[in-house]
Amino acid sequence: MTEEKPWYQSRSIWGGIVALVAAVAGLFGIPLDAATHEALTVALTSAAAAIGAVVAIIGRLAAQKTLR
């Protein structure tokens, strides 16, 4: 692993978050199956990547200096 990426693009991080949410939901009587875990992980990873892209574009448009 030599490439770096932001934490929000990591499926492992989002998978862990989904597992935590599923565990807490289970404590409140809301069952989440494995298919739902996978769907949530994919959806959250995609949403985080899209938000990151939008922030990068807005940042570039709002920048005060030009690129070389």
N, C-alpha and C. Protein backbone atom coordinates (compact mmCIF):
# COMPACT_ATOMS: atom_id res chain seq x y z
N MET A 1 0.83 -1.19 0.00
CA MET A 1 0.00 0.00 0.00
C MET A 1 0.87 1.24 0.00
N THR A 2 1.12 1.78 -1.14
CA THR A 2 1.91 3.00 -1.21
C THR A 2 1.07 4.21 -1.55
N GLU A 3 -0.12 3.99 -2.09
CA GLU A 3 -0.98 5.12 -2.42
C GLU A 3 -1.71 5.60 -1.18
N GLU A 4 -1.89 6.91 -1.11
CA GLU A 4 -2.64 7.49 0.00
C GLU A 4 -3.96 8.01 -0.52
N LYS A 5 -4.95 7.98 0.34
CA LYS A 5 -6.25 8.54 0.01
C LYS A 5 -6.87 9.09 1.28
N PRO A 6 -7.81 10.00 1.14
CA PRO A 6 -8.46 10.54 2.32
C PRO A 6 -9.25 9.44 3.05
N TRP A 7 -9.40 9.58 4.35
CA TRP A 7 -10.09 8.56 5.15
C TRP A 7 -11.50 8.31 4.65
N TYR A 8 -12.18 9.35 4.16
CA TYR A 8 -13.58 9.20 3.76
C TYR A 8 -13.75 8.39 2.47
N GLN A 9 -12.65 8.08 1.78
CA GLN A 9 -12.74 7.24 0.59
C GLN A 9 -12.43 5.77 0.90
N SER A 10 -12.23 5.45 2.14
CA SER A 10 -11.90 4.10 2.54
C SER A 10 -13.15 3.28 2.83
N ARG A 11 -13.31 2.19 2.08
CA ARG A 11 -14.45 1.30 2.33
C ARG A 11 -14.31 0.62 3.68
N SER A 12 -13.08 0.42 4.14
CA SER A 12 -12.88 -0.19 5.45
C SER A 12 -13.41 0.71 6.56
N ILE A 13 -13.13 1.99 6.47
CA ILE A 13 -13.62 2.94 7.47
C ILE A 13 -15.14 2.96 7.46
N TRP A 14 -15.74 3.10 6.27
CA TRP A 14 -17.20 3.14 6.18
C TRP A 14 -17.82 1.83 6.60
N GLY A 15 -17.17 0.71 6.29
CA GLY A 15 -17.67 -0.58 6.74
C GLY A 15 -17.69 -0.66 8.26
N GLY A 16 -16.64 -0.14 8.89
CA GLY A 16 -16.59 -0.10 10.35
C GLY A 16 -17.67 0.79 10.94
N ILE A 17 -17.90 1.92 10.31
CA ILE A 17 -18.95 2.83 10.77
C ILE A 17 -20.32 2.15 10.65
N VAL A 18 -20.55 1.49 9.51
CA VAL A 18 -21.83 0.79 9.31
C VAL A 18 -21.99 -0.33 10.34
N ALA A 19 -20.91 -1.06 10.61
CA ALA A 19 -20.98 -2.13 11.62
C ALA A 19 -21.31 -1.55 12.99
N LEU A 20 -20.72 -0.43 13.33
CA LEU A 20 -21.02 0.23 14.60
C LEU A 20 -22.48 0.67 14.65
N VAL A 21 -22.94 1.29 13.58
CA VAL A 21 -24.34 1.72 13.52
C VAL A 21 -25.28 0.53 13.62
N ALA A 22 -24.94 -0.57 12.94
CA ALA A 22 -25.77 -1.77 13.00
C ALA A 22 -25.81 -2.34 14.41
N ALA A 23 -24.68 -2.32 15.11
CA ALA A 23 -24.64 -2.81 16.48
C ALA A 23 -25.52 -1.96 17.39
N VAL A 24 -25.42 -0.66 17.24
CA VAL A 24 -26.24 0.24 18.05
C VAL A 24 -27.71 0.07 17.69
N ALA A 25 -28.00 -0.06 16.39
CA ALA A 25 -29.39 -0.27 15.97
C ALA A 25 -29.93 -1.57 16.56
N GLY A 26 -29.10 -2.60 16.60
CA GLY A 26 -29.51 -3.87 17.20
C GLY A 26 -29.87 -3.73 18.67
N LEU A 27 -29.16 -2.86 19.37
CA LEU A 27 -29.48 -2.61 20.78
C LEU A 27 -30.87 -2.00 20.94
N PHE A 28 -31.31 -1.29 19.91
CA PHE A 28 -32.63 -0.66 19.94
C PHE A 28 -33.68 -1.49 19.22
N GLY A 29 -33.33 -2.73 18.85
CA GLY A 29 -34.29 -3.63 18.23
C GLY A 29 -34.49 -3.44 16.74
N ILE A 30 -33.55 -2.80 16.07
CA ILE A 30 -33.63 -2.59 14.62
C ILE A 30 -32.62 -3.51 13.95
N PRO A 31 -33.08 -4.61 13.35
CA PRO A 31 -32.13 -5.54 12.73
C PRO A 31 -31.64 -5.06 11.36
N LEU A 32 -30.35 -5.24 11.07
CA LEU A 32 -29.77 -4.94 9.76
C LEU A 32 -29.04 -6.19 9.27
N ASP A 33 -29.43 -6.68 8.11
CA ASP A 33 -28.79 -7.89 7.58
C ASP A 33 -27.52 -7.55 6.82
N ALA A 34 -26.81 -8.58 6.37
CA ALA A 34 -25.52 -8.39 5.69
C ALA A 34 -25.68 -7.60 4.39
N ALA A 35 -26.75 -7.84 3.66
CA ALA A 35 -26.97 -7.12 2.40
C ALA A 35 -27.16 -5.62 2.67
N THR A 36 -27.85 -5.31 3.75
CA THR A 36 -28.04 -3.90 4.11
C THR A 36 -26.72 -3.27 4.51
N HIS A 37 -25.87 -4.01 5.24
CA HIS A 37 -24.53 -3.52 5.60
C HIS A 37 -23.76 -3.13 4.34
N GLU A 38 -23.73 -4.04 3.37
CA GLU A 38 -22.98 -3.79 2.13
C GLU A 38 -23.55 -2.60 1.37
N ALA A 39 -24.87 -2.53 1.27
CA ALA A 39 -25.51 -1.42 0.56
C ALA A 39 -25.20 -0.09 1.23
N LEU A 40 -25.25 -0.06 2.54
CA LEU A 40 -24.94 1.18 3.27
C LEU A 40 -23.48 1.58 3.09
N THR A 41 -22.58 0.61 3.12
CA THR A 41 -21.16 0.91 2.94
C THR A 41 -20.90 1.50 1.56
N VAL A 42 -21.47 0.89 0.54
CA VAL A 42 -21.30 1.40 -0.84
C VAL A 42 -21.91 2.79 -0.97
N ALA A 43 -23.10 2.97 -0.44
CA ALA A 43 -23.77 4.27 -0.55
C ALA A 43 -22.99 5.36 0.17
N LEU A 44 -22.52 5.08 1.38
CA LEU A 44 -21.77 6.08 2.14
C LEU A 44 -20.43 6.40 1.50
N THR A 45 -19.76 5.37 0.97
CA THR A 45 -18.48 5.61 0.29
C THR A 45 -18.68 6.47 -0.94
N SER A 46 -19.71 6.18 -1.72
CA SER A 46 -20.00 6.97 -2.92
C SER A 46 -20.37 8.40 -2.55
N ALA A 47 -21.20 8.56 -1.53
CA ALA A 47 -21.60 9.90 -1.10
C ALA A 47 -20.39 10.71 -0.61
N ALA A 48 -19.52 10.07 0.16
CA ALA A 48 -18.33 10.77 0.66
C ALA A 48 -17.42 11.19 -0.49
N ALA A 49 -17.26 10.33 -1.49
CA ALA A 49 -16.42 10.68 -2.64
C ALA A 49 -17.04 11.84 -3.42
N ALA A 50 -18.35 11.82 -3.58
CA ALA A 50 -19.04 12.90 -4.30
C ALA A 50 -18.92 14.22 -3.55
N ILE A 51 -19.09 14.17 -2.24
CA ILE A 51 -18.95 15.39 -1.44
C ILE A 51 -17.52 15.91 -1.51
N GLY A 52 -16.55 15.02 -1.46
CA GLY A 52 -15.15 15.43 -1.59
C GLY A 52 -14.88 16.10 -2.92
N ALA A 53 -15.46 15.57 -3.98
CA ALA A 53 -15.28 16.15 -5.31
C ALA A 53 -15.90 17.55 -5.38
N VAL A 54 -17.08 17.70 -4.83
CA VAL A 54 -17.75 19.00 -4.84
C VAL A 54 -16.95 20.02 -4.04
N VAL A 55 -16.45 19.63 -2.89
CA VAL A 55 -15.64 20.53 -2.07
C VAL A 55 -14.36 20.94 -2.81
N ALA A 56 -13.74 20.00 -3.50
CA ALA A 56 -12.53 20.31 -4.27
C ALA A 56 -12.83 21.30 -5.40
N ILE A 57 -13.93 21.09 -6.09
CA ILE A 57 -14.30 21.99 -7.19
C ILE A 57 -14.62 23.38 -6.65
N ILE A 58 -15.40 23.44 -5.60
CA ILE A 58 -15.74 24.75 -5.01
C ILE A 58 -14.47 25.44 -4.51
N GLY A 59 -13.59 24.69 -3.89
CA GLY A 59 -12.33 25.27 -3.41
C GLY A 59 -11.50 25.84 -4.54
N ARG A 60 -11.45 25.13 -5.66
CA ARG A 60 -10.67 25.63 -6.81
C ARG A 60 -11.32 26.88 -7.39
N LEU A 61 -12.65 26.90 -7.48
CA LEU A 61 -13.33 28.07 -8.02
C LEU A 61 -13.20 29.27 -7.11
N ALA A 62 -13.12 29.06 -5.81
CA ALA A 62 -13.02 30.16 -4.85
C ALA A 62 -11.57 30.59 -4.60
N ALA A 63 -10.62 29.87 -5.15
CA ALA A 63 -9.20 30.17 -4.91
C ALA A 63 -8.84 31.55 -5.45
N GLN A 64 -7.93 32.19 -4.75
CA GLN A 64 -7.50 33.54 -5.13
C GLN A 64 -6.31 33.54 -6.08
N LYS A 65 -5.60 32.41 -6.17
CA LYS A 65 -4.41 32.35 -7.03
C LYS A 65 -4.63 31.36 -8.15
N THR A 66 -3.99 31.61 -9.28
CA THR A 66 -4.10 30.70 -10.42
C THR A 66 -3.12 29.53 -10.27
N LEU A 67 -3.38 28.49 -11.02
CA LEU A 67 -2.49 27.32 -11.05
C LEU A 67 -1.40 27.54 -12.08
N ARG A 68 -0.26 26.90 -11.90
CA ARG A 68 0.82 26.97 -12.89
C ARG A 68 0.70 25.80 -13.82
